[in-house]
């Protein structure tokens, strides 16, 4: 949970401000990235899938230079936004 990351009321207020101002994106409670990083990952993922048609999570991790901990909830978010879709072990542009 976020409680492992945010331990004081002041930190909670700061985090809420960052969310409201769209400075950060919460992919899941323990995975929070900047909006800039989210957009960069999105552009890299779209470019890779456009060039290759499909990709596994490992291929996208290598192509974007991120970690699996960030990539998996990130890909789930792209799926929920209708940008990508999962088909078996690969992701495709939707």
N, C-alpha and C. Protein backbone atom coordinates (compact mmCIF):
# COMPACT_ATOMS: atom_id res chain seq x y z
N UNK A 1 0.83 -1.19 0.00
CA UNK A 1 0.00 0.00 0.00
C UNK A 1 0.87 1.24 0.00
N UNK A 2 0.23 2.37 -0.28
CA UNK A 2 0.94 3.64 -0.27
C UNK A 2 1.46 3.98 1.12
N UNK A 3 0.88 3.39 2.16
CA UNK A 3 1.31 3.73 3.52
C UNK A 3 2.78 3.41 3.74
N UNK A 4 3.35 2.51 2.97
CA UNK A 4 4.78 2.21 3.09
C UNK A 4 5.61 3.35 2.52
N UNK A 5 5.04 4.11 1.59
CA UNK A 5 5.75 5.21 0.94
C UNK A 5 5.43 6.53 1.62
N UNK A 6 4.18 6.73 1.96
CA UNK A 6 3.72 7.98 2.56
C UNK A 6 3.47 7.71 4.04
N UNK A 7 4.24 8.37 4.88
CA UNK A 7 4.16 8.05 6.30
C UNK A 7 3.64 9.18 7.17
N UNK A 8 3.50 10.39 6.62
CA UNK A 8 3.01 11.51 7.43
C UNK A 8 1.84 12.19 6.72
N UNK A 9 1.11 12.96 7.47
CA UNK A 9 -0.01 13.71 6.89
C UNK A 9 0.49 14.73 5.87
N UNK A 10 1.64 15.33 6.13
CA UNK A 10 2.21 16.30 5.18
C UNK A 10 2.57 15.61 3.86
N UNK A 11 3.10 14.41 3.93
CA UNK A 11 3.42 13.66 2.71
C UNK A 11 2.15 13.29 1.95
N UNK A 12 1.11 12.93 2.69
CA UNK A 12 -0.17 12.60 2.05
C UNK A 12 -0.74 13.82 1.33
N UNK A 13 -0.67 14.99 1.96
CA UNK A 13 -1.16 16.21 1.33
C UNK A 13 -0.34 16.55 0.08
N UNK A 14 0.97 16.40 0.17
CA UNK A 14 1.83 16.67 -0.98
C UNK A 14 1.51 15.71 -2.13
N UNK A 15 1.32 14.45 -1.79
CA UNK A 15 0.99 13.45 -2.81
C UNK A 15 -0.35 13.77 -3.46
N UNK A 16 -1.34 14.11 -2.67
CA UNK A 16 -2.66 14.46 -3.20
C UNK A 16 -2.56 15.66 -4.13
N UNK A 17 -1.75 16.64 -3.76
CA UNK A 17 -1.53 17.80 -4.62
C UNK A 17 -0.91 17.40 -5.95
N UNK A 18 0.11 16.55 -5.90
CA UNK A 18 0.76 16.10 -7.13
C UNK A 18 -0.21 15.34 -8.04
N UNK A 19 -1.09 14.54 -7.45
CA UNK A 19 -2.10 13.83 -8.25
C UNK A 19 -3.09 14.81 -8.87
N UNK A 20 -3.60 15.75 -8.05
CA UNK A 20 -4.57 16.73 -8.55
C UNK A 20 -3.99 17.60 -9.65
N UNK A 21 -2.73 17.96 -9.50
CA UNK A 21 -2.09 18.83 -10.50
C UNK A 21 -1.54 18.03 -11.69
N UNK A 22 -1.78 16.73 -11.67
CA UNK A 22 -1.38 15.83 -12.75
C UNK A 22 0.13 15.82 -12.97
N UNK A 23 0.88 15.99 -11.90
CA UNK A 23 2.34 15.91 -11.97
C UNK A 23 2.81 14.46 -11.89
N UNK A 24 1.99 13.59 -11.27
CA UNK A 24 2.33 12.17 -11.14
C UNK A 24 1.15 11.32 -11.57
N UNK A 25 1.48 10.08 -11.91
CA UNK A 25 0.47 9.08 -12.27
C UNK A 25 0.69 7.89 -11.33
N UNK A 26 -0.37 7.49 -10.64
CA UNK A 26 -0.29 6.31 -9.80
C UNK A 26 -0.69 5.11 -10.64
N UNK A 27 0.27 4.23 -10.92
CA UNK A 27 -0.02 3.02 -11.69
C UNK A 27 -0.61 1.96 -10.78
N UNK A 28 -0.15 1.91 -9.57
CA UNK A 28 -0.71 1.10 -8.49
C UNK A 28 -0.17 1.70 -7.21
N UNK A 29 -0.67 1.30 -6.05
CA UNK A 29 -0.28 2.00 -4.82
C UNK A 29 1.22 2.15 -4.58
N UNK A 30 2.03 1.20 -4.99
CA UNK A 30 3.47 1.31 -4.76
C UNK A 30 4.25 1.74 -6.00
N UNK A 31 3.54 2.04 -7.09
CA UNK A 31 4.22 2.45 -8.32
C UNK A 31 3.64 3.78 -8.77
N UNK A 32 4.41 4.82 -8.52
CA UNK A 32 4.01 6.20 -8.84
C UNK A 32 5.12 6.78 -9.71
N UNK A 33 4.75 7.30 -10.89
CA UNK A 33 5.75 7.89 -11.77
C UNK A 33 5.29 9.29 -12.18
N UNK A 34 6.24 10.08 -12.63
CA UNK A 34 5.88 11.42 -13.08
C UNK A 34 5.06 11.33 -14.36
N UNK A 35 4.26 12.32 -14.60
CA UNK A 35 3.46 12.36 -15.83
C UNK A 35 4.38 12.42 -17.04
N UNK A 36 5.50 13.11 -16.92
CA UNK A 36 6.47 13.17 -18.01
C UNK A 36 7.01 11.77 -18.32
N UNK A 37 7.36 11.01 -17.29
CA UNK A 37 7.85 9.65 -17.49
C UNK A 37 6.76 8.77 -18.10
N UNK A 38 5.53 8.93 -17.65
CA UNK A 38 4.41 8.16 -18.20
C UNK A 38 4.27 8.43 -19.69
N UNK A 39 4.30 9.71 -20.07
CA UNK A 39 4.15 10.07 -21.49
C UNK A 39 5.32 9.57 -22.33
N UNK A 40 6.52 9.63 -21.77
CA UNK A 40 7.70 9.13 -22.49
C UNK A 40 7.58 7.62 -22.70
N UNK A 41 7.18 6.89 -21.65
CA UNK A 41 6.98 5.44 -21.78
C UNK A 41 5.89 5.12 -22.80
N UNK A 42 4.83 5.90 -22.77
CA UNK A 42 3.73 5.68 -23.71
C UNK A 42 4.21 5.87 -25.15
N UNK A 43 4.93 6.95 -25.40
CA UNK A 43 5.44 7.22 -26.75
C UNK A 43 6.40 6.13 -27.20
N UNK A 44 7.29 5.68 -26.31
CA UNK A 44 8.24 4.62 -26.66
C UNK A 44 7.53 3.31 -26.94
N UNK A 45 6.52 3.00 -26.16
CA UNK A 45 5.76 1.77 -26.35
C UNK A 45 5.01 1.80 -27.67
N UNK A 46 4.35 2.91 -27.96
CA UNK A 46 3.62 3.04 -29.22
C UNK A 46 4.58 2.94 -30.40
N UNK A 47 5.72 3.60 -30.31
CA UNK A 47 6.71 3.55 -31.40
C UNK A 47 7.21 2.13 -31.62
N UNK A 48 7.50 1.42 -30.55
CA UNK A 48 7.99 0.04 -30.67
C UNK A 48 6.92 -0.86 -31.28
N UNK A 49 5.68 -0.74 -30.81
CA UNK A 49 4.61 -1.57 -31.34
C UNK A 49 4.28 -1.20 -32.79
N UNK A 50 4.40 0.05 -33.13
CA UNK A 50 4.18 0.48 -34.52
C UNK A 50 5.24 -0.15 -35.43
N UNK A 51 6.48 -0.17 -34.98
CA UNK A 51 7.58 -0.71 -35.78
C UNK A 51 7.56 -2.24 -35.86
N UNK A 52 7.13 -2.90 -34.77
CA UNK A 52 7.24 -4.36 -34.70
C UNK A 52 5.91 -5.10 -34.73
N UNK A 53 4.82 -4.39 -34.61
CA UNK A 53 3.51 -5.04 -34.65
C UNK A 53 3.05 -5.60 -33.33
N UNK A 54 3.94 -6.25 -32.61
CA UNK A 54 3.63 -6.83 -31.31
C UNK A 54 4.91 -6.94 -30.52
N UNK A 55 4.77 -7.12 -29.21
CA UNK A 55 5.96 -7.26 -28.36
C UNK A 55 5.58 -7.92 -27.05
N UNK A 56 6.50 -8.68 -26.51
CA UNK A 56 6.32 -9.25 -25.18
C UNK A 56 6.66 -8.17 -24.15
N UNK A 57 6.31 -8.44 -22.91
CA UNK A 57 6.66 -7.50 -21.84
C UNK A 57 8.17 -7.34 -21.75
N UNK A 58 8.91 -8.41 -21.92
CA UNK A 58 10.37 -8.34 -21.87
C UNK A 58 10.94 -7.46 -22.98
N UNK A 59 10.39 -7.60 -24.17
CA UNK A 59 10.85 -6.76 -25.28
C UNK A 59 10.52 -5.29 -25.03
N UNK A 60 9.34 -5.02 -24.48
CA UNK A 60 8.97 -3.63 -24.18
C UNK A 60 9.80 -3.08 -23.03
N UNK A 61 10.13 -3.92 -22.07
CA UNK A 61 11.01 -3.49 -20.97
C UNK A 61 12.35 -3.06 -21.53
N UNK A 62 12.92 -3.86 -22.42
CA UNK A 62 14.20 -3.53 -23.03
C UNK A 62 14.10 -2.27 -23.90
N UNK A 63 13.02 -2.17 -24.66
CA UNK A 63 12.85 -1.04 -25.58
C UNK A 63 12.64 0.28 -24.84
N UNK A 64 11.99 0.23 -23.69
CA UNK A 64 11.70 1.46 -22.94
C UNK A 64 12.73 1.75 -21.86
N UNK A 65 13.53 0.76 -21.51
CA UNK A 65 14.55 0.97 -20.48
C UNK A 65 14.01 1.07 -19.08
N UNK A 66 12.82 0.53 -18.85
CA UNK A 66 12.24 0.58 -17.52
C UNK A 66 12.34 -0.79 -16.85
N UNK A 67 11.81 -0.90 -15.66
CA UNK A 67 11.83 -2.16 -14.93
C UNK A 67 10.49 -2.87 -15.06
N UNK A 68 10.49 -4.15 -14.79
CA UNK A 68 9.26 -4.93 -14.83
C UNK A 68 8.25 -4.40 -13.80
N UNK A 69 8.75 -3.94 -12.64
CA UNK A 69 7.88 -3.42 -11.59
C UNK A 69 7.05 -2.24 -12.09
N UNK A 70 7.63 -1.39 -12.92
CA UNK A 70 6.92 -0.25 -13.49
C UNK A 70 6.17 -0.67 -14.74
N UNK A 71 6.80 -1.49 -15.57
CA UNK A 71 6.22 -1.83 -16.87
C UNK A 71 4.88 -2.54 -16.79
N UNK A 72 4.76 -3.52 -15.90
CA UNK A 72 3.52 -4.31 -15.88
C UNK A 72 2.29 -3.46 -15.53
N UNK A 73 2.31 -2.66 -14.46
CA UNK A 73 1.14 -1.81 -14.22
C UNK A 73 0.97 -0.74 -15.29
N UNK A 74 2.08 -0.29 -15.88
CA UNK A 74 2.00 0.68 -16.97
C UNK A 74 1.26 0.07 -18.17
N UNK A 75 1.61 -1.15 -18.55
CA UNK A 75 0.94 -1.80 -19.68
C UNK A 75 -0.54 -2.04 -19.37
N UNK A 76 -0.85 -2.41 -18.14
CA UNK A 76 -2.25 -2.58 -17.76
C UNK A 76 -3.00 -1.25 -17.89
N UNK A 77 -2.35 -0.14 -17.56
CA UNK A 77 -2.98 1.18 -17.71
C UNK A 77 -3.22 1.48 -19.20
N UNK A 78 -2.22 1.19 -20.06
CA UNK A 78 -2.41 1.42 -21.50
C UNK A 78 -3.56 0.57 -22.03
N UNK A 79 -3.67 -0.66 -21.52
CA UNK A 79 -4.80 -1.52 -21.92
C UNK A 79 -6.12 -0.86 -21.51
N UNK A 80 -6.19 -0.38 -20.28
CA UNK A 80 -7.45 0.21 -19.79
C UNK A 80 -7.79 1.51 -20.51
N UNK A 81 -6.78 2.21 -21.02
CA UNK A 81 -7.01 3.43 -21.79
C UNK A 81 -7.37 3.15 -23.24
N UNK A 82 -7.29 1.88 -23.64
CA UNK A 82 -7.62 1.51 -25.02
C UNK A 82 -6.50 1.78 -26.01
N UNK A 83 -5.28 1.93 -25.52
CA UNK A 83 -4.14 2.18 -26.40
C UNK A 83 -3.54 0.86 -26.87
N UNK A 84 -3.45 -0.09 -25.96
CA UNK A 84 -2.91 -1.42 -26.28
C UNK A 84 -3.91 -2.48 -25.83
N UNK A 85 -3.60 -3.69 -26.26
CA UNK A 85 -4.37 -4.82 -25.74
C UNK A 85 -3.44 -6.01 -25.62
N UNK A 86 -3.72 -6.83 -24.64
CA UNK A 86 -2.92 -8.02 -24.41
C UNK A 86 -3.55 -9.18 -25.17
N UNK A 87 -2.70 -9.92 -25.87
CA UNK A 87 -3.15 -11.13 -26.56
C UNK A 87 -2.13 -12.21 -26.22
N UNK A 88 -2.50 -13.08 -25.28
CA UNK A 88 -1.54 -14.10 -24.82
C UNK A 88 -0.38 -13.42 -24.12
N UNK A 89 0.82 -13.68 -24.64
CA UNK A 89 2.02 -13.12 -24.03
C UNK A 89 2.51 -11.85 -24.69
N UNK A 90 1.75 -11.31 -25.63
CA UNK A 90 2.20 -10.11 -26.34
C UNK A 90 1.20 -8.97 -26.19
N UNK A 91 1.70 -7.77 -26.44
CA UNK A 91 0.86 -6.58 -26.48
C UNK A 91 0.82 -6.11 -27.92
N UNK A 92 -0.35 -5.59 -28.30
CA UNK A 92 -0.58 -5.03 -29.64
C UNK A 92 -1.19 -3.66 -29.47
N UNK A 93 -1.03 -2.80 -30.47
CA UNK A 93 -1.77 -1.55 -30.46
C UNK A 93 -3.24 -1.88 -30.72
N UNK A 94 -4.12 -1.19 -30.05
CA UNK A 94 -5.55 -1.45 -30.21
C UNK A 94 -6.11 -0.69 -31.37
